[in-house]
Amino acid sequence: MSLLTVRQTTPEGTAFLMLALVGELEVVNVDKLTDAAVRAIADGQRHLLLDLTGITRCDTGSLYTLLGIRHAANHAGGSLAVTAASASVHEALLRTGLRELLPVTPG
């Protein structure tokens, strides 16, 4: 069983919610991220930042889930941005050709 931890923080003076992920981002556990994102959007925190530097493994299905979360946030008038990513995430983005759709934008 792969493990994933999702930590939530709100950077001071911003309208963003930072979700920092640690562990393996795979379809078997991506529900932890989707649950956190859905709760945040429902609670009015529609602008999400993802810090994926703690991800040790990333599969294709999880990347498509990130696209779905971004679509949901956009539909609610918000946004989703990946602000940092590990080598595993960068490799998965390159392998799948999703780098253009899920760019890593520091900030």
PDB file of N, CA and C in Angstrom:
ATOM      1  N   MET A   1       0.856  -1.187   0.000  1.00  0.00           N
ATOM      2  CA  MET A   1       0.000   0.000   0.000  1.00  0.00           C
ATOM      3  C   MET A   1       0.888   1.232   0.000  1.00  0.00           C
ATOM      4  N   SER A   2       0.606   2.129  -0.911  1.00  0.00           N
ATOM      5  CA  SER A   2       1.393   3.351  -0.984  1.00  0.00           C
ATOM      6  C   SER A   2       0.790   4.409  -0.065  1.00  0.00           C
ATOM      7  N   LEU A   3       1.648   5.236   0.469  1.00  0.00           N
ATOM      8  CA  LEU A   3       1.225   6.236   1.426  1.00  0.00           C
ATOM      9  C   LEU A   3       1.300   7.628   0.825  1.00  0.00           C
ATOM     10  N   LEU A   4       0.342   8.463   1.171  1.00  0.00           N
ATOM     11  CA  LEU A   4       0.322   9.853   0.745  1.00  0.00           C
ATOM     12  C   LEU A   4      -0.188  10.691   1.899  1.00  0.00           C
ATOM     13  N   THR A   5       0.512  11.774   2.170  1.00  0.00           N
ATOM     14  CA  THR A   5       0.103  12.729   3.183  1.00  0.00           C
ATOM     15  C   THR A   5      -0.164  14.057   2.505  1.00  0.00           C
ATOM     16  N   VAL A   6      -1.264  14.695   2.894  1.00  0.00           N
ATOM     17  CA  VAL A   6      -1.621  16.005   2.357  1.00  0.00           C
ATOM     18  C   VAL A   6      -1.674  16.980   3.529  1.00  0.00           C
ATOM     19  N   ARG A   7      -0.782  17.990   3.488  1.00  0.00           N
ATOM     20  CA  ARG A   7      -0.772  19.041   4.518  1.00  0.00           C
ATOM     21  C   ARG A   7      -1.339  20.314   3.904  1.00  0.00           C
ATOM     22  N   GLN A   8      -2.194  21.000   4.656  1.00  0.00           N
ATOM     23  CA  GLN A   8      -2.798  22.235   4.173  1.00  0.00           C
ATOM     24  C   GLN A   8      -2.272  23.423   4.962  1.00  0.00           C
ATOM     25  N   THR A   9      -1.892  24.472   4.258  1.00  0.00           N
ATOM     26  CA  THR A   9      -1.498  25.726   4.892  1.00  0.00           C
ATOM     27  C   THR A   9      -2.042  26.874   4.041  1.00  0.00           C
ATOM     28  N   THR A  10      -2.223  28.003   4.660  1.00  0.00           N
ATOM     29  CA  THR A  10      -2.642  29.193   3.941  1.00  0.00           C
ATOM     30  C   THR A  10      -1.539  30.225   4.080  1.00  0.00           C
ATOM     31  N   PRO A  11      -0.821  30.502   2.965  1.00  0.00           N
ATOM     32  CA  PRO A  11       0.228  31.522   3.040  1.00  0.00           C
ATOM     33  C   PRO A  11      -0.366  32.857   3.488  1.00  0.00           C
ATOM     34  N   GLU A  12       0.297  33.500   4.431  1.00  0.00           N
ATOM     35  CA  GLU A  12      -0.213  34.737   5.020  1.00  0.00           C
ATOM     36  C   GLU A  12      -0.426  35.816   3.960  1.00  0.00           C
ATOM     37  N   GLY A  13      -1.555  36.485   4.067  1.00  0.00           N
ATOM     38  CA  GLY A  13      -1.857  37.589   3.173  1.00  0.00           C
ATOM     39  C   GLY A  13      -2.285  37.177   1.778  1.00  0.00           C
ATOM     40  N   THR A  14      -2.684  35.902   1.608  1.00  0.00           N
ATOM     41  CA  THR A  14      -3.106  35.443   0.283  1.00  0.00           C
ATOM     42  C   THR A  14      -4.479  34.794   0.365  1.00  0.00           C
ATOM     43  N   ALA A  15      -5.084  34.621  -0.780  1.00  0.00           N
ATOM     44  CA  ALA A  15      -6.367  33.930  -0.877  1.00  0.00           C
ATOM     45  C   ALA A  15      -6.158  32.488  -1.324  1.00  0.00           C
ATOM     46  N   PHE A  16      -4.930  31.998  -1.200  1.00  0.00           N
ATOM     47  CA  PHE A  16      -4.577  30.671  -1.696  1.00  0.00           C
ATOM     48  C   PHE A  16      -4.502  29.665  -0.554  1.00  0.00           C
ATOM     49  N   LEU A  17      -4.787  28.427  -0.903  1.00  0.00           N
ATOM     50  CA  LEU A  17      -4.596  27.311   0.013  1.00  0.00           C
ATOM     51  C   LEU A  17      -3.483  26.455  -0.565  1.00  0.00           C
ATOM     52  N   MET A  18      -2.432  26.253   0.205  1.00  0.00           N
ATOM     53  CA  MET A  18      -1.306  25.425  -0.225  1.00  0.00           C
ATOM     54  C   MET A  18      -1.550  23.997   0.239  1.00  0.00           C
ATOM     55  N   LEU A  19      -1.477  23.068  -0.700  1.00  0.00           N
ATOM     56  CA  LEU A  19      -1.556  21.646  -0.387  1.00  0.00           C
ATOM     57  C   LEU A  19      -0.185  21.055  -0.667  1.00  0.00           C
ATOM     58  N   ALA A  20       0.513  20.653   0.384  1.00  0.00           N
ATOM     59  CA  ALA A  20       1.837  20.048   0.247  1.00  0.00           C
ATOM     60  C   ALA A  20       1.669  18.537   0.364  1.00  0.00           C
ATOM     61  N   LEU A  21       2.104  17.817  -0.672  1.00  0.00           N
ATOM     62  CA  LEU A  21       1.950  16.370  -0.717  1.00  0.00           C
ATOM     63  C   LEU A  21       3.287  15.696  -0.463  1.00  0.00           C
ATOM     64  N   VAL A  22       3.238  14.624   0.319  1.00  0.00           N
ATOM     65  CA  VAL A  22       4.432  13.847   0.634  1.00  0.00           C
ATOM     66  C   VAL A  22       4.099  12.374   0.466  1.00  0.00           C
ATOM     67  N   GLY A  23       4.946  11.665  -0.267  1.00  0.00           N
ATOM     68  CA  GLY A  23       4.766  10.230  -0.458  1.00  0.00           C
ATOM     69  C   GLY A  23       4.565   9.880  -1.913  1.00  0.00           C
ATOM     70  N   GLU A  24       3.750   8.874  -2.138  1.00  0.00           N
ATOM     71  CA  GLU A  24       3.510   8.366  -3.490  1.00  0.00           C
ATOM     72  C   GLU A  24       2.151   8.848  -3.986  1.00  0.00           C
ATOM     73  N   LEU A  25       2.160   9.540  -5.114  1.00  0.00           N
ATOM     74  CA  LEU A  25       0.928  10.042  -5.713  1.00  0.00           C
ATOM     75  C   LEU A  25       0.511   9.057  -6.798  1.00  0.00           C
ATOM     76  N   GLU A  26      -0.426   8.190  -6.430  1.00  0.00           N
ATOM     77  CA  GLU A  26      -0.873   7.116  -7.310  1.00  0.00           C
ATOM     78  C   GLU A  26      -2.390   7.008  -7.243  1.00  0.00           C
ATOM     79  N   VAL A  27      -2.967   6.378  -8.254  1.00  0.00           N
ATOM     80  CA  VAL A  27      -4.432   6.271  -8.301  1.00  0.00           C
ATOM     81  C   VAL A  27      -5.010   5.575  -7.073  1.00  0.00           C
ATOM     82  N   VAL A  28      -4.243   4.724  -6.410  1.00  0.00           N
ATOM     83  CA  VAL A  28      -4.766   4.013  -5.244  1.00  0.00           C
ATOM     84  C   VAL A  28      -4.917   4.910  -4.017  1.00  0.00           C
ATOM     85  N   ASN A  29      -4.285   6.086  -4.037  1.00  0.00           N
ATOM     86  CA  ASN A  29      -4.390   6.961  -2.872  1.00  0.00           C
ATOM     87  C   ASN A  29      -4.673   8.421  -3.222  1.00  0.00           C
ATOM     88  N   VAL A  30      -4.894   8.716  -4.493  1.00  0.00           N
ATOM     89  CA  VAL A  30      -5.119  10.102  -4.903  1.00  0.00           C
ATOM     90  C   VAL A  30      -6.415  10.654  -4.305  1.00  0.00           C
ATOM     91  N   ASP A  31      -7.266   9.785  -3.785  1.00  0.00           N
ATOM     92  CA  ASP A  31      -8.497  10.253  -3.150  1.00  0.00           C
ATOM     93  C   ASP A  31      -8.216  11.160  -1.961  1.00  0.00           C
ATOM     94  N   LYS A  32      -7.077  11.009  -1.305  1.00  0.00           N
ATOM     95  CA  LYS A  32      -6.728  11.905  -0.195  1.00  0.00           C
ATOM     96  C   LYS A  32      -6.607  13.340  -0.707  1.00  0.00           C
ATOM     97  N   LEU A  33      -5.992  13.491  -1.873  1.00  0.00           N
ATOM     98  CA  LEU A  33      -5.859  14.811  -2.471  1.00  0.00           C
ATOM     99  C   LEU A  33      -7.208  15.326  -2.963  1.00  0.00           C
ATOM    100  N   THR A  34      -7.966  14.482  -3.654  1.00  0.00           N
ATOM    101  CA  THR A  34      -9.253  14.945  -4.185  1.00  0.00           C
ATOM    102  C   THR A  34     -10.205  15.328  -3.043  1.00  0.00           C
ATOM    103  N   ASP A  35     -10.206  14.565  -1.966  1.00  0.00           N
ATOM    104  CA  ASP A  35     -11.048  14.901  -0.815  1.00  0.00           C
ATOM    105  C   ASP A  35     -10.667  16.266  -0.243  1.00  0.00           C
ATOM    106  N   ALA A  36      -9.366  16.512  -0.082  1.00  0.00           N
ATOM    107  CA  ALA A  36      -8.900  17.799   0.449  1.00  0.00           C
ATOM    108  C   ALA A  36      -9.273  18.944  -0.486  1.00  0.00           C
ATOM    109  N   ALA A  37      -9.119  18.730  -1.792  1.00  0.00           N
ATOM    110  CA  ALA A  37      -9.441  19.778  -2.764  1.00  0.00           C
ATOM    111  C   ALA A  37     -10.936  20.066  -2.794  1.00  0.00           C
ATOM    112  N   VAL A  38     -11.763  19.035  -2.766  1.00  0.00           N
ATOM    113  CA  VAL A  38     -13.218  19.221  -2.785  1.00  0.00           C
ATOM    114  C   VAL A  38     -13.673  19.962  -1.525  1.00  0.00           C
ATOM    115  N   ARG A  39     -13.134  19.583  -0.374  1.00  0.00           N
ATOM    116  CA  ARG A  39     -13.483  20.275   0.878  1.00  0.00           C
ATOM    117  C   ARG A  39     -13.095  21.747   0.804  1.00  0.00           C
ATOM    118  N   ALA A  40     -11.892  22.017   0.286  1.00  0.00           N
ATOM    119  CA  ALA A  40     -11.417  23.399   0.194  1.00  0.00           C
ATOM    120  C   ALA A  40     -12.316  24.225  -0.712  1.00  0.00           C
ATOM    121  N   ILE A  41     -12.645  23.687  -1.874  1.00  0.00           N
ATOM    122  CA  ILE A  41     -13.496  24.412  -2.825  1.00  0.00           C
ATOM    123  C   ILE A  41     -14.888  24.637  -2.228  1.00  0.00           C
ATOM    124  N   ALA A  42     -15.430  23.623  -1.572  1.00  0.00           N
ATOM    125  CA  ALA A  42     -16.748  23.750  -0.945  1.00  0.00           C
ATOM    126  C   ALA A  42     -16.739  24.785   0.177  1.00  0.00           C
ATOM    127  N   ASP A  43     -15.581  24.915   0.852  1.00  0.00           N
ATOM    128  CA  ASP A  43     -15.449  25.886   1.947  1.00  0.00           C
ATOM    129  C   ASP A  43     -15.114  27.291   1.449  1.00  0.00           C
ATOM    130  N   GLY A  44     -15.011  27.460   0.121  1.00  0.00           N
ATOM    131  CA  GLY A  44     -14.753  28.780  -0.437  1.00  0.00           C
ATOM    132  C   GLY A  44     -13.299  29.073  -0.737  1.00  0.00           C
ATOM    133  N   GLN A  45     -12.414  28.131  -0.492  1.00  0.00           N
ATOM    134  CA  GLN A  45     -10.994  28.311  -0.808  1.00  0.00           C
ATOM    135  C   GLN A  45     -10.760  27.730  -2.202  1.00  0.00           C
ATOM    136  N   ARG A  46     -10.984  28.553  -3.194  1.00  0.00           N
ATOM    137  CA  ARG A  46     -11.009  28.057  -4.571  1.00  0.00           C
ATOM    138  C   ARG A  46      -9.680  28.169  -5.301  1.00  0.00           C
ATOM    139  N   HIS A  47      -8.710  28.857  -4.712  1.00  0.00           N
ATOM    140  CA  HIS A  47      -7.402  29.005  -5.355  1.00  0.00           C
ATOM    141  C   HIS A  47      -6.410  28.085  -4.633  1.00  0.00           C
ATOM    142  N   LEU A  48      -6.013  27.038  -5.332  1.00  0.00           N
ATOM    143  CA  LEU A  48      -5.177  25.996  -4.735  1.00  0.00           C
ATOM    144  C   LEU A  48      -3.772  26.020  -5.325  1.00  0.00           C
ATOM    145  N   LEU A  49      -2.796  25.875  -4.455  1.00  0.00           N
ATOM    146  CA  LEU A  49      -1.401  25.729  -4.850  1.00  0.00           C
ATOM    147  C   LEU A  49      -0.950  24.345  -4.434  1.00  0.00           C
ATOM    148  N   LEU A  50      -0.261  23.633  -5.317  1.00  0.00           N
ATOM    149  CA  LEU A  50       0.241  22.295  -4.995  1.00  0.00           C
ATOM    150  C   LEU A  50       1.753  22.313  -4.909  1.00  0.00           C
ATOM    151  N   ASP A  51       2.269  21.862  -3.792  1.00  0.00           N
ATOM    152  CA  ASP A  51       3.706  21.655  -3.622  1.00  0.00           C
ATOM    153  C   ASP A  51       3.928  20.151  -3.693  1.00  0.00           C
ATOM    154  N   LEU A  52       4.532  19.704  -4.783  1.00  0.00           N
ATOM    155  CA  LEU A  52       4.740  18.275  -5.018  1.00  0.00           C
ATOM    156  C   LEU A  52       6.200  17.867  -4.839  1.00  0.00           C
ATOM    157  N   THR A  53       6.986  18.660  -4.117  1.00  0.00           N
ATOM    158  CA  THR A  53       8.404  18.323  -3.924  1.00  0.00           C
ATOM    159  C   THR A  53       8.589  17.066  -3.088  1.00  0.00           C
ATOM    160  N   GLY A  54       7.608  16.718  -2.273  1.00  0.00           N
ATOM    161  CA  GLY A  54       7.714  15.537  -1.426  1.00  0.00           C
ATOM    162  C   GLY A  54       7.213  14.257  -2.081  1.00  0.00           C
ATOM    163  N   ILE A  55       6.874  14.312  -3.359  1.00  0.00           N
ATOM    164  CA  ILE A  55       6.368  13.127  -4.051  1.00  0.00           C
ATOM    165  C   ILE A  55       7.521  12.261  -4.526  1.00  0.00           C
ATOM    166  N   THR A  56       7.510  11.004  -4.108  1.00  0.00           N
ATOM    167  CA  THR A  56       8.579  10.065  -4.465  1.00  0.00           C
ATOM    168  C   THR A  56       8.232   9.206  -5.667  1.00  0.00           C
ATOM    169  N   ARG A  57       6.940   9.114  -5.978  1.00  0.00           N
ATOM    170  CA  ARG A  57       6.472   8.339  -7.126  1.00  0.00           C
ATOM    171  C   ARG A  57       5.181   8.970  -7.622  1.00  0.00           C
ATOM    172  N   CYS A  58       5.030   9.039  -8.943  1.00  0.00           N
ATOM    173  CA  CYS A  58       3.848   9.670  -9.520  1.00  0.00           C
ATOM    174  C   CYS A  58       3.422   8.879 -10.749  1.00  0.00           C
ATOM    175  N   ASP A  59       2.165   8.447 -10.781  1.00  0.00           N
ATOM    176  CA  ASP A  59       1.693   7.698 -11.946  1.00  0.00           C
ATOM    177  C   ASP A  59       0.836   8.569 -12.853  1.00  0.00           C
ATOM    178  N   THR A  60       0.545   8.060 -14.019  1.00  0.00           N
ATOM    179  CA  THR A  60      -0.192   8.791 -15.044  1.00  0.00           C
ATOM    180  C   THR A  60      -1.593   9.155 -14.591  1.00  0.00           C
ATOM    181  N   GLY A  61      -2.289   8.220 -13.979  1.00  0.00           N
ATOM    182  CA  GLY A  61      -3.653   8.479 -13.537  1.00  0.00           C
ATOM    183  C   GLY A  61      -3.751   9.654 -12.574  1.00  0.00           C
ATOM    184  N   SER A  62      -2.759   9.793 -11.726  1.00  0.00           N
ATOM    185  CA  SER A  62      -2.761  10.897 -10.766  1.00  0.00           C
ATOM    186  C   SER A  62      -2.633  12.240 -11.463  1.00  0.00           C
ATOM    187  N   LEU A  63      -1.846  12.281 -12.528  1.00  0.00           N
ATOM    188  CA  LEU A  63      -1.707  13.532 -13.277  1.00  0.00           C
ATOM    189  C   LEU A  63      -3.040  13.934 -13.902  1.00  0.00           C
ATOM    190  N   TYR A  64      -3.763  12.951 -14.420  1.00  0.00           N
ATOM    191  CA  TYR A  64      -5.086  13.255 -14.973  1.00  0.00           C
ATOM    192  C   TYR A  64      -6.057  13.688 -13.885  1.00  0.00           C
ATOM    193  N   THR A  65      -5.893  13.164 -12.690  1.00  0.00           N
ATOM    194  CA  THR A  65      -6.709  13.608 -11.563  1.00  0.00           C
ATOM    195  C   THR A  65      -6.415  15.070 -11.245  1.00  0.00           C
ATOM    196  N   LEU A  66      -5.141  15.464 -11.304  1.00  0.00           N
ATOM    197  CA  LEU A  66      -4.787  16.866 -11.081  1.00  0.00           C
ATOM    198  C   LEU A  66      -5.474  17.774 -12.098  1.00  0.00           C
ATOM    199  N   LEU A  67      -5.530  17.321 -13.348  1.00  0.00           N
ATOM    200  CA  LEU A  67      -6.239  18.090 -14.372  1.00  0.00           C
ATOM    201  C   LEU A  67      -7.724  18.226 -14.020  1.00  0.00           C
ATOM    202  N   GLY A  68      -8.315  17.159 -13.513  1.00  0.00           N
ATOM    203  CA  GLY A  68      -9.714  17.199 -13.105  1.00  0.00           C
ATOM    204  C   GLY A  68      -9.950  18.156 -11.942  1.00  0.00           C
ATOM    205  N   ILE A  69      -9.042  18.164 -10.982  1.00  0.00           N
ATOM    206  CA  ILE A  69      -9.156  19.082  -9.848  1.00  0.00           C
ATOM    207  C   ILE A  69      -9.030  20.522 -10.338  1.00  0.00           C
ATOM    208  N   ARG A  70      -8.087  20.763 -11.250  1.00  0.00           N
ATOM    209  CA  ARG A  70      -7.926  22.110 -11.799  1.00  0.00           C
ATOM    210  C   ARG A  70      -9.208  22.546 -12.518  1.00  0.00           C
ATOM    211  N   HIS A  71      -9.810  21.634 -13.279  1.00  0.00           N
ATOM    212  CA  HIS A  71     -11.053  21.941 -13.982  1.00  0.00           C
ATOM    213  C   HIS A  71     -12.164  22.286 -12.979  1.00  0.00           C
ATOM    214  N   ALA A  72     -12.268  21.522 -11.918  1.00  0.00           N
ATOM    215  CA  ALA A  72     -13.280  21.786 -10.894  1.00  0.00           C
ATOM    216  C   ALA A  72     -13.057  23.141 -10.229  1.00  0.00           C
ATOM    217  N   ALA A  73     -11.810  23.461  -9.912  1.00  0.00           N
ATOM    218  CA  ALA A  73     -11.494  24.754  -9.307  1.00  0.00           C
ATOM    219  C   ALA A  73     -11.829  25.892 -10.269  1.00  0.00           C
ATOM    220  N   ASN A  74     -11.471  25.734 -11.542  1.00  0.00           N
ATOM    221  CA  ASN A  74     -11.792  26.757 -12.542  1.00  0.00           C
ATOM    222  C   ASN A  74     -13.302  26.940 -12.667  1.00  0.00           C
ATOM    223  N   HIS A  75     -14.031  25.839 -12.670  1.00  0.00           N
ATOM    224  CA  HIS A  75     -15.491  25.886 -12.777  1.00  0.00           C
ATOM    225  C   HIS A  75     -16.100  26.641 -11.596  1.00  0.00           C
ATOM    226  N   ALA A  76     -15.450  26.566 -10.441  1.00  0.00           N
ATOM    227  CA  ALA A  76     -15.933  27.253  -9.241  1.00  0.00           C
ATOM    228  C   ALA A  76     -15.397  28.682  -9.148  1.00  0.00           C
ATOM    229  N   GLY A  77     -14.720  29.143 -10.208  1.00  0.00           N
ATOM    230  CA  GLY A  77     -14.175  30.496 -10.204  1.00  0.00           C
ATOM    231  C   GLY A  77     -12.813  30.594  -9.558  1.00  0.00           C
ATOM    232  N   GLY A  78     -12.127  29.465  -9.434  1.00  0.00           N
ATOM    233  CA  GLY A  78     -10.822  29.440  -8.789  1.00  0.00           C
ATOM    234  C   GLY A  78      -9.723  29.002  -9.738  1.00  0.00           C
ATOM    235  N   SER A  79      -8.680  28.444  -9.154  1.00  0.00           N
ATOM    236  CA  SER A  79      -7.526  28.030  -9.942  1.00  0.00           C
ATOM    237  C   SER A  79      -6.751  26.946  -9.202  1.00  0.00           C
ATOM    238  N   LEU A  80      -5.888  26.277  -9.939  1.00  0.00           N
ATOM    239  CA  LEU A  80      -4.961  25.317  -9.356  1.00  0.00           C
ATOM    240  C   LEU A  80      -3.631  25.508 -10.060  1.00  0.00           C
ATOM    241  N   ALA A  81      -2.571  25.635  -9.281  1.00  0.00           N
ATOM    242  CA  ALA A  81      -1.233  25.778  -9.843  1.00  0.00           C
ATOM    243  C   ALA A  81      -0.279  24.853  -9.108  1.00  0.00           C
ATOM    244  N   VAL A  82       0.599  24.211  -9.858  1.00  0.00           N
ATOM    245  CA  VAL A  82       1.675  23.411  -9.268  1.00  0.00           C
ATOM    246  C   VAL A  82       2.853  24.352  -9.099  1.00  0.00           C
ATOM    247  N   THR A  83       3.253  24.584  -7.843  1.00  0.00           N
ATOM    248  CA  THR A  83       4.303  25.564  -7.571  1.00  0.00           C
ATOM    249  C   THR A  83       5.684  24.947  -7.422  1.00  0.00           C
ATOM    250  N   ALA A  84       5.738  23.652  -7.198  1.00  0.00           N
ATOM    251  CA  ALA A  84       7.017  22.956  -7.056  1.00  0.00           C
ATOM    252  C   ALA A  84       6.763  21.465  -7.243  1.00  0.00           C
ATOM    253  N   ALA A  85       7.759  20.772  -7.781  1.00  0.00           N
ATOM    254  CA  ALA A  85       7.589  19.341  -8.036  1.00  0.00           C
ATOM    255  C   ALA A  85       8.915  18.611  -7.927  1.00  0.00           C
ATOM    256  N   SER A  86       8.822  17.365  -7.521  1.00  0.00           N
ATOM    257  CA  SER A  86      10.008  16.505  -7.408  1.00  0.00           C
ATOM    258  C   SER A  86      10.416  15.997  -8.784  1.00  0.00           C
ATOM    259  N   ALA A  87      11.562  15.355  -8.829  1.00  0.00           N
ATOM    260  CA  ALA A  87      12.040  14.758 -10.080  1.00  0.00           C
ATOM    261  C   ALA A  87      11.054  13.715 -10.591  1.00  0.00           C
ATOM    262  N   SER A  88      10.438  12.957  -9.700  1.00  0.00           N
ATOM    263  CA  SER A  88       9.454  11.945 -10.100  1.00  0.00           C
ATOM    264  C   SER A  88       8.267  12.564 -10.821  1.00  0.00           C
ATOM    265  N   VAL A  89       7.808  13.695 -10.347  1.00  0.00           N
ATOM    266  CA  VAL A  89       6.677  14.376 -10.980  1.00  0.00           C
ATOM    267  C   VAL A  89       7.097  14.924 -12.337  1.00  0.00           C
ATOM    268  N   HIS A  90       8.273  15.553 -12.394  1.00  0.00           N
ATOM    269  CA  HIS A  90       8.766  16.079 -13.669  1.00  0.00           C
ATOM    270  C   HIS A  90       8.899  14.961 -14.706  1.00  0.00           C
ATOM    271  N   GLU A  91       9.425  13.816 -14.285  1.00  0.00           N
ATOM    272  CA  GLU A  91       9.570  12.675 -15.200  1.00  0.00           C
ATOM    273  C   GLU A  91       8.213  12.197 -15.699  1.00  0.00           C
ATOM    274  N   ALA A  92       7.228  12.124 -14.808  1.00  0.00           N
ATOM    275  CA  ALA A  92       5.884  11.687 -15.203  1.00  0.00           C
ATOM    276  C   ALA A  92       5.252  12.686 -16.171  1.00  0.00           C
ATOM    277  N   LEU A  93       5.453  13.971 -15.927  1.00  0.00           N
ATOM    278  CA  LEU A  93       4.915  14.987 -16.830  1.00  0.00           C
ATOM    279  C   LEU A  93       5.526  14.870 -18.223  1.00  0.00           C
ATOM    280  N   LEU A  94       6.830  14.634 -18.271  1.00  0.00           N
ATOM    281  CA  LEU A  94       7.501  14.469 -19.567  1.00  0.00           C
ATOM    282  C   LEU A  94       7.043  13.193 -20.264  1.00  0.00           C
ATOM    283  N   ARG A  95       6.976  12.105 -19.514  1.00  0.00           N
ATOM    284  CA  ARG A  95       6.606  10.795 -20.062  1.00  0.00           C
ATOM    285  C   ARG A  95       5.199  10.799 -20.669  1.00  0.00           C
ATOM    286  N   THR A  96       4.295  11.540 -20.043  1.00  0.00           N
ATOM    287  CA  THR A  96       2.909  11.548 -20.483  1.00  0.00           C
ATOM    288  C   THR A  96       2.590  12.665 -21.471  1.00  0.00           C
ATOM    289  N   GLY A  97       3.505  13.613 -21.604  1.00  0.00           N
ATOM    290  CA  GLY A  97       3.247  14.751 -22.474  1.00  0.00           C
ATOM    291  C   GLY A  97       2.320  15.777 -21.852  1.00  0.00           C
ATOM    292  N   LEU A  98       2.138  15.729 -20.535  1.00  0.00           N
ATOM    293  CA  LEU A  98       1.222  16.646 -19.855  1.00  0.00           C
ATOM    294  C   LEU A  98       1.918  17.889 -19.299  1.00  0.00           C
ATOM    295  N   ARG A  99       3.179  18.041 -19.593  1.00  0.00           N
ATOM    296  CA  ARG A  99       3.931  19.186 -19.063  1.00  0.00           C
ATOM    297  C   ARG A  99       3.297  20.524 -19.474  1.00  0.00           C
ATOM    298  N   GLU A 100       2.772  20.580 -20.688  1.00  0.00           N
ATOM    299  CA  GLU A 100       2.131  21.815 -21.160  1.00  0.00           C
ATOM    300  C   GLU A 100       0.814  22.084 -20.435  1.00  0.00           C
ATOM    301  N   LEU A 101       0.079  21.030 -20.116  1.00  0.00           N
ATOM    302  CA  LEU A 101      -1.214  21.188 -19.445  1.00  0.00           C
ATOM    303  C   LEU A 101      -1.099  21.388 -17.946  1.00  0.00           C
ATOM    304  N   LEU A 102      -0.009  20.877 -17.356  1.00  0.00           N
ATOM    305  CA  LEU A 102       0.236  21.018 -15.915  1.00  0.00           C
ATOM    306  C   LEU A 102       1.634  21.602 -15.685  1.00  0.00           C
ATOM    307  N   PRO A 103       1.845  22.837 -16.081  1.00  0.00           N
ATOM    308  CA  PRO A 103       3.183  23.398 -15.898  1.00  0.00           C
ATOM    309  C   PRO A 103       3.489  23.605 -14.423  1.00  0.00           C
ATOM    310  N   VAL A 104       4.753  23.510 -14.084  1.00  0.00           N
ATOM    311  CA  VAL A 104       5.212  23.804 -12.727  1.00  0.00           C
ATOM    312  C   VAL A 104       5.634  25.272 -12.734  1.00  0.00           C
ATOM    313  N   THR A 105       4.876  26.081 -11.995  1.00  0.00           N
ATOM    314  CA  THR A 105       5.093  27.527 -11.972  1.00  0.00           C
ATOM    315  C   THR A 105       5.516  27.942 -10.573  1.00  0.00           C
ATOM    316  N   PRO A 106       6.812  28.132 -10.347  1.00  0.00           N
ATOM    317  CA  PRO A 106       7.263  28.533  -9.010  1.00  0.00           C
ATOM    318  C   PRO A 106       6.634  29.866  -8.587  1.00  0.00           C
ATOM    319  N   GLY A 107       6.324  29.929  -7.311  1.00  0.00           N
ATOM    320  CA  GLY A 107       5.793  31.208  -6.821  1.00  0.00           C
ATOM    321  C   GLY A 107       4.695  31.043  -5.837  1.00  0.00           C
TER     322      GLY A 107
END
